[in-house]
């Protein structure tokens, strides 16, 4: 099998090029058949992933953060070759939530050991549909407070001088100052709820930006996890975020934690919609989350807790 590395040299606030230069000789020396691609932008990343996936019998290795990983996933979907390829991850992002969900240490050395000695297993995909868009995610699809905060970073490019988690915390405070909950009708499979939404997430990974917002999630599960937070004041939003940071979100009485195959959110207003850190719609008037469990072949560490039969 051929290993195709898709390297985002702009990841990790532009530091990845230097980090990859140090790691590349060791990584390539441990594998027999390799190719390294350096796409110039997001469009080329997705195109290259689709091109190599369409050829089949290869492993597409995403080198970067969650955004790079998401573009590779989209490329595989574009190629219509989900059953013919597998995917792997070298985590060089700022947070690397999905690497942790796989049971991988957040280092390239750990990722290399997974490539050499790991196992190939089926992991889930989240499909997010808004009017005019259709995208997929491995980690988490998000609308509400978290996506609005990410928009400041991804679209508005605010606080460019600031790096890492400190930057996200500052942007979250800015989001809080301007935040208004959005009244919405939420359908979780066959159950219908109403409320003023602050967060609505679906995914197969427990964490987003280091916050454990989906503690019930597993990448190998047969349904995605869903977290809905509603009818909260700004003070309660701060408590909710603090609880998620300390893995105590299940104790928040205004938060629903469940699992589902399909979720539809119909707001009386608009949401920012995000998949794996990529903003896909800034004015979504309807959002549908669809679970595609155990759909993508992924190389995971040998010690990953894989349920029997998966």
Protein backbone atom coordinates (compact mmCIF):
# COMPACT_ATOMS: atom_id res chain seq x y z
CA UNK A 1 0.00 0.00 0.00
CA UNK A 2 1.20 3.48 -0.85
CA UNK A 3 1.29 6.24 1.79
CA UNK A 4 0.47 9.68 0.41
CA UNK A 5 1.34 12.47 2.85
CA UNK A 6 -0.63 15.69 2.35
CA UNK A 7 1.33 18.34 4.23
CA UNK A 8 -0.18 21.70 5.16
CA UNK A 9 2.90 23.86 5.70
CA UNK A 10 0.72 26.73 7.00
CA UNK A 11 -0.71 24.72 9.89
CA UNK A 12 0.12 25.45 13.51
CA UNK A 13 0.29 29.16 12.83
CA UNK A 14 2.88 28.60 10.09
CA UNK A 15 5.24 26.47 12.16
CA UNK A 16 4.49 23.13 10.52
CA UNK A 17 7.01 23.49 7.69
CA UNK A 18 9.88 23.55 10.19
CA UNK A 19 8.41 20.74 12.31
CA UNK A 20 7.81 18.51 9.28
CA UNK A 21 11.33 19.11 7.97
CA UNK A 22 12.70 17.59 11.18
CA UNK A 23 10.26 14.67 11.28
CA UNK A 24 10.09 13.76 7.58
CA UNK A 25 13.33 11.73 7.21
CA UNK A 26 12.46 9.47 10.15
CA UNK A 27 8.87 8.99 9.04
CA UNK A 28 9.66 8.18 5.41
CA UNK A 29 12.50 5.83 6.39
CA UNK A 30 10.05 3.60 8.30
CA UNK A 31 7.66 3.12 5.36
CA UNK A 32 8.28 1.45 1.99
CA UNK A 33 6.15 3.25 -0.60
CA UNK A 34 5.61 6.97 0.04
CA UNK A 35 4.78 10.22 -1.70
CA UNK A 36 4.70 13.71 -0.17
CA UNK A 37 2.42 16.47 -1.47
CA UNK A 38 2.61 20.15 -0.53
CA UNK A 39 -0.68 21.80 -1.57
CA UNK A 40 -0.69 25.57 -1.78
CA UNK A 41 -4.17 26.16 -0.42
CA UNK A 42 -7.37 24.51 0.80
CA UNK A 43 -8.74 23.91 -2.70
CA UNK A 44 -5.59 22.11 -3.81
CA UNK A 45 -5.52 20.05 -0.60
CA UNK A 46 -9.01 18.76 -1.32
CA UNK A 47 -8.23 18.21 -5.01
CA UNK A 48 -5.07 16.21 -4.31
CA UNK A 49 -6.85 14.05 -1.75
CA UNK A 50 -9.60 13.29 -4.29
CA UNK A 51 -7.07 12.56 -7.04
CA UNK A 52 -5.08 10.02 -5.01
CA UNK A 53 -8.17 8.47 -3.43
CA UNK A 54 -9.67 7.87 -6.89
CA UNK A 55 -6.61 5.80 -7.79
CA UNK A 56 -7.32 3.48 -4.89
CA UNK A 57 -5.13 1.21 -2.75
CA UNK A 58 -3.46 3.99 -0.78
CA UNK A 59 -3.43 5.58 2.64
CA UNK A 60 -3.93 9.34 2.68
CA UNK A 61 -2.00 10.78 5.63
CA UNK A 62 -3.13 14.22 6.76
CA UNK A 63 -0.21 16.23 8.15
CA UNK A 64 -1.54 19.25 10.03
CA UNK A 65 -4.47 20.05 12.27
CA UNK A 66 -8.20 19.41 12.20
CA UNK A 67 -8.71 21.75 9.25
CA UNK A 68 -6.24 19.84 7.08
CA UNK A 69 -7.79 16.55 8.18
CA UNK A 70 -11.22 17.83 7.19
CA UNK A 71 -10.08 18.82 3.69
CA UNK A 72 -8.61 15.34 3.15
CA UNK A 73 -11.90 13.79 4.24
CA UNK A 74 -13.82 16.04 1.84
CA UNK A 75 -11.47 14.96 -0.96
CA UNK A 76 -12.06 11.28 -0.23
CA UNK A 77 -15.82 11.92 -0.31
CA UNK A 78 -15.43 13.77 -3.63
CA UNK A 79 -13.63 10.77 -5.12
CA UNK A 80 -16.45 8.37 -4.21
CA UNK A 81 -13.73 5.93 -3.10
CA UNK A 82 -14.44 5.53 0.61
CA UNK A 83 -14.21 1.75 0.41
CA UNK A 84 -10.97 1.70 -1.59
CA UNK A 85 -8.65 3.80 0.58
CA UNK A 86 -7.78 4.44 4.19
CA UNK A 87 -6.71 7.53 6.08
CA UNK A 88 -4.22 8.37 8.82
CA UNK A 89 -3.14 11.41 10.77
CA UNK A 90 0.13 13.10 11.76
CA UNK A 91 -1.13 15.61 14.38
CA UNK A 92 0.65 18.93 13.97
CA UNK A 93 -2.23 21.24 14.86
CA UNK A 94 -2.56 23.52 17.87
CA UNK A 95 -4.97 21.23 19.75
CA UNK A 96 -5.27 17.87 17.91
CA UNK A 97 -8.58 16.72 19.41
CA UNK A 98 -9.08 13.83 17.00
CA UNK A 99 -5.66 12.34 17.70
CA UNK A 100 -6.64 12.14 21.36
CA UNK A 101 -9.98 10.55 20.45
CA UNK A 102 -8.09 7.79 18.61
CA UNK A 103 -6.03 7.08 21.72
CA UNK A 104 -2.95 8.63 20.12
CA UNK A 105 -0.46 10.79 21.95
CA UNK A 106 -0.32 14.21 20.35
CA UNK A 107 3.12 13.68 18.80
CA UNK A 108 4.33 12.69 15.37
CA UNK A 109 6.28 9.82 16.95
CA UNK A 110 3.04 8.32 18.26
CA UNK A 111 1.41 8.78 14.86
CA UNK A 112 4.34 7.06 13.16
CA UNK A 113 4.02 4.05 15.45
CA UNK A 114 0.34 3.85 14.52
CA UNK A 115 1.28 3.86 10.83
CA UNK A 116 3.86 1.11 11.31
CA UNK A 117 2.22 -1.09 13.95
CA UNK A 118 -1.37 0.09 14.19
CA UNK A 119 -4.66 -1.36 13.03
CA UNK A 120 -7.15 -0.28 10.38
CA UNK A 121 -10.65 0.24 11.74
CA UNK A 122 -13.87 1.88 10.63
CA UNK A 123 -14.57 5.33 12.11
CA UNK A 124 -17.67 7.49 11.85
CA UNK A 125 -18.39 10.55 9.74
CA UNK A 126 -20.77 13.43 10.47
CA UNK A 127 -22.60 14.96 7.54
CA UNK A 128 -23.73 18.56 7.98
CA UNK A 129 -26.29 19.97 5.54
CA UNK A 130 -27.31 23.63 5.40
CA UNK A 131 -29.17 25.42 2.60
CA UNK A 132 -26.71 25.27 -0.28
CA UNK A 133 -23.92 23.32 1.49
CA UNK A 134 -23.09 19.70 2.30
CA UNK A 135 -19.93 18.82 4.23
CA UNK A 136 -18.49 16.00 6.27
CA UNK A 137 -16.50 15.88 9.51
CA UNK A 138 -14.52 13.31 11.46
CA UNK A 139 -14.34 15.11 14.78
CA UNK A 140 -17.31 17.41 15.51
CA UNK A 141 -19.87 19.44 13.58
CA UNK A 142 -20.92 22.54 15.50
CA UNK A 143 -23.37 25.41 15.43
CA UNK A 144 -23.82 28.08 18.04
CA UNK A 145 -21.32 29.59 20.45
CA UNK A 146 -18.25 27.55 19.48
CA UNK A 147 -18.74 28.08 15.75
CA UNK A 148 -19.34 31.80 16.28
CA UNK A 149 -16.06 32.02 18.20
CA UNK A 150 -14.22 30.14 15.43
CA UNK A 151 -15.60 32.58 12.86
CA UNK A 152 -13.68 35.40 14.53
CA UNK A 153 -10.49 33.39 13.95
CA UNK A 154 -11.10 31.70 10.58
CA UNK A 155 -13.16 34.27 8.67
CA UNK A 156 -12.63 37.61 10.41
CA UNK A 157 -8.91 36.92 11.17
CA UNK A 158 -9.04 38.74 14.48
CA UNK A 159 -6.23 38.82 17.08
CA UNK A 160 -3.62 37.74 14.54
CA UNK A 161 -0.88 38.67 16.99
CA UNK A 162 -2.11 36.06 19.46
CA UNK A 163 -1.45 32.30 19.25
CA UNK A 164 -2.84 28.99 20.51
CA UNK A 165 -5.42 28.41 23.22
CA UNK A 166 -4.92 31.86 24.77
CA UNK A 167 -6.17 33.36 21.51
CA UNK A 168 -9.25 31.12 21.55
CA UNK A 169 -10.04 32.11 25.13
CA UNK A 170 -9.91 35.81 24.23
CA UNK A 171 -12.13 35.28 21.21
CA UNK A 172 -14.58 33.28 23.33
CA UNK A 173 -14.86 36.22 25.72
CA UNK A 174 -15.54 38.52 22.77
CA UNK A 175 -18.22 36.13 21.51
CA UNK A 176 -19.82 36.11 24.94
CA UNK A 177 -20.06 39.90 25.03
CA UNK A 178 -22.07 39.96 21.79
CA UNK A 179 -23.87 36.63 22.14
CA UNK A 180 -27.64 36.18 21.89
CA UNK A 181 -29.22 32.73 22.14
CA UNK A 182 -31.13 31.67 19.02
CA UNK A 183 -34.70 30.32 19.40
CA UNK A 184 -34.99 27.04 17.53
CA UNK A 185 -36.92 23.83 17.00
CA UNK A 186 -34.65 20.78 17.43
CA UNK A 187 -35.55 17.29 16.20
CA UNK A 188 -33.34 14.51 17.60
CA UNK A 189 -34.37 11.39 15.66
CA UNK A 190 -38.11 11.40 16.49
CA UNK A 191 -38.02 13.68 19.56
CA UNK A 192 -38.89 17.36 19.09
CA UNK A 193 -37.59 20.07 21.44
CA UNK A 194 -37.89 23.84 21.59
CA UNK A 195 -35.51 26.31 23.19
CA UNK A 196 -33.07 29.20 22.92
CA UNK A 197 -29.91 27.50 21.67
CA UNK A 198 -26.41 28.33 22.88
CA UNK A 199 -24.64 25.18 21.65
CA UNK A 200 -25.62 22.31 19.36
CA UNK A 201 -22.97 19.78 18.42
CA UNK A 202 -22.81 16.30 16.93
CA UNK A 203 -19.72 14.16 16.59
CA UNK A 204 -17.70 11.04 17.22
CA UNK A 205 -14.97 12.75 19.27
CA UNK A 206 -15.38 13.98 22.86
CA UNK A 207 -13.45 17.24 22.57
CA UNK A 208 -13.49 20.46 20.57
CA UNK A 209 -10.70 22.96 21.16
CA UNK A 210 -9.74 21.00 24.26
CA UNK A 211 -13.26 21.31 25.75
CA UNK A 212 -15.05 18.01 26.47
CA UNK A 213 -18.37 18.97 24.95
CA UNK A 214 -19.31 15.43 23.85
CA UNK A 215 -18.06 13.23 26.69
CA UNK A 216 -20.32 10.38 25.54
CA UNK A 217 -18.70 10.19 22.08
CA UNK A 218 -16.54 7.43 20.60
CA UNK A 219 -15.00 7.34 17.11
CA UNK A 220 -16.05 3.68 16.78
CA UNK A 221 -19.67 4.08 17.93
CA UNK A 222 -22.76 3.16 15.88
CA UNK A 223 -24.31 6.64 16.38
CA UNK A 224 -22.85 10.07 16.87
CA UNK A 225 -23.02 11.89 20.18
CA UNK A 226 -25.20 14.98 20.49
CA UNK A 227 -24.96 17.88 22.96
CA UNK A 228 -27.62 20.58 23.09
CA UNK A 229 -27.34 23.55 25.46
CA UNK A 230 -30.34 25.86 25.70
CA UNK A 231 -32.06 28.59 27.71
CA UNK A 232 -28.88 29.88 29.37
CA UNK A 233 -27.81 33.31 30.56
CA UNK A 234 -24.34 34.67 29.80
CA UNK A 235 -23.28 33.79 33.33
CA UNK A 236 -24.49 30.23 32.76
CA UNK A 237 -22.58 30.05 29.47
CA UNK A 238 -19.37 30.77 31.37
CA UNK A 239 -20.23 28.01 33.84
CA UNK A 240 -20.98 25.64 30.95
CA UNK A 241 -17.62 26.33 29.28
CA UNK A 242 -15.80 25.90 32.57
CA UNK A 243 -17.63 22.62 33.17
CA UNK A 244 -16.64 21.39 29.67
CA UNK A 245 -13.01 22.29 30.34
CA UNK A 246 -13.10 20.18 33.53
CA UNK A 247 -15.10 17.29 31.97
CA UNK A 248 -18.18 18.10 34.03
CA UNK A 249 -20.63 19.15 31.34
CA UNK A 250 -22.87 16.20 32.19
CA UNK A 251 -23.61 17.96 35.50
CA UNK A 252 -25.10 21.03 33.75
CA UNK A 253 -28.88 20.86 34.07
CA UNK A 254 -29.56 22.90 30.93
CA UNK A 255 -27.51 20.59 28.70
CA UNK A 256 -28.85 17.51 26.90
CA UNK A 257 -26.38 14.69 26.20
CA UNK A 258 -27.58 11.87 23.97
CA UNK A 259 -26.78 9.81 20.86
CA UNK A 260 -28.65 9.84 17.58
CA UNK A 261 -28.70 9.07 13.86
CA UNK A 262 -30.10 12.42 12.74
CA UNK A 263 -30.59 15.90 14.19
CA UNK A 264 -32.36 18.83 12.55
CA UNK A 265 -32.13 22.38 13.93
CA UNK A 266 -34.56 24.97 12.57
CA UNK A 267 -33.78 28.40 14.08
CA UNK A 268 -35.81 31.56 14.12
CA UNK A 269 -32.69 33.38 13.00
CA UNK A 270 -29.26 32.27 11.79
CA UNK A 271 -26.38 30.10 12.96
CA UNK A 272 -22.70 29.92 12.08
CA UNK A 273 -22.06 26.31 11.00
CA UNK A 274 -18.66 24.63 11.35
CA UNK A 275 -17.13 21.20 10.67
CA UNK A 276 -13.75 20.30 12.18
CA UNK A 277 -12.77 23.94 12.58
CA UNK A 278 -13.81 24.95 9.05
CA UNK A 279 -16.64 27.49 8.73
CA UNK A 280 -19.05 26.28 6.03
CA UNK A 281 -21.97 28.70 6.46
CA UNK A 282 -22.16 32.02 8.32
CA UNK A 283 -25.91 32.41 7.87
CA UNK A 284 -27.45 28.96 8.17
CA UNK A 285 -31.24 29.05 8.49
CA UNK A 286 -31.56 25.26 8.81
CA UNK A 287 -28.96 22.69 9.84
CA UNK A 288 -29.18 18.92 9.50
CA UNK A 289 -26.68 16.54 11.11
CA UNK A 290 -26.58 12.96 9.73
CA UNK A 291 -24.60 10.12 11.30
CA UNK A 292 -22.53 7.85 9.02
CA UNK A 293 -21.17 5.45 11.60
CA UNK A 294 -18.16 3.18 10.97
CA UNK A 295 -17.81 4.46 7.41
CA UNK A 296 -14.16 5.43 6.81
CA UNK A 297 -11.11 3.17 7.06
CA UNK A 298 -8.64 4.80 9.45
CA UNK A 299 -5.27 3.67 10.81
CA UNK A 300 -5.42 3.88 14.60
CA UNK A 301 -2.91 2.93 17.33
CA UNK A 302 -2.65 -0.75 18.17
CA UNK A 303 -3.93 -0.04 21.69
CA UNK A 304 -7.04 1.92 20.61
CA UNK A 305 -10.10 0.68 22.53
CA UNK A 306 -11.97 -0.87 19.60
CA UNK A 307 -15.30 -2.49 20.51
CA UNK A 308 -15.82 -6.10 19.44
CA UNK A 309 -17.40 -6.45 16.04
CA UNK A 310 -16.38 -3.00 14.76
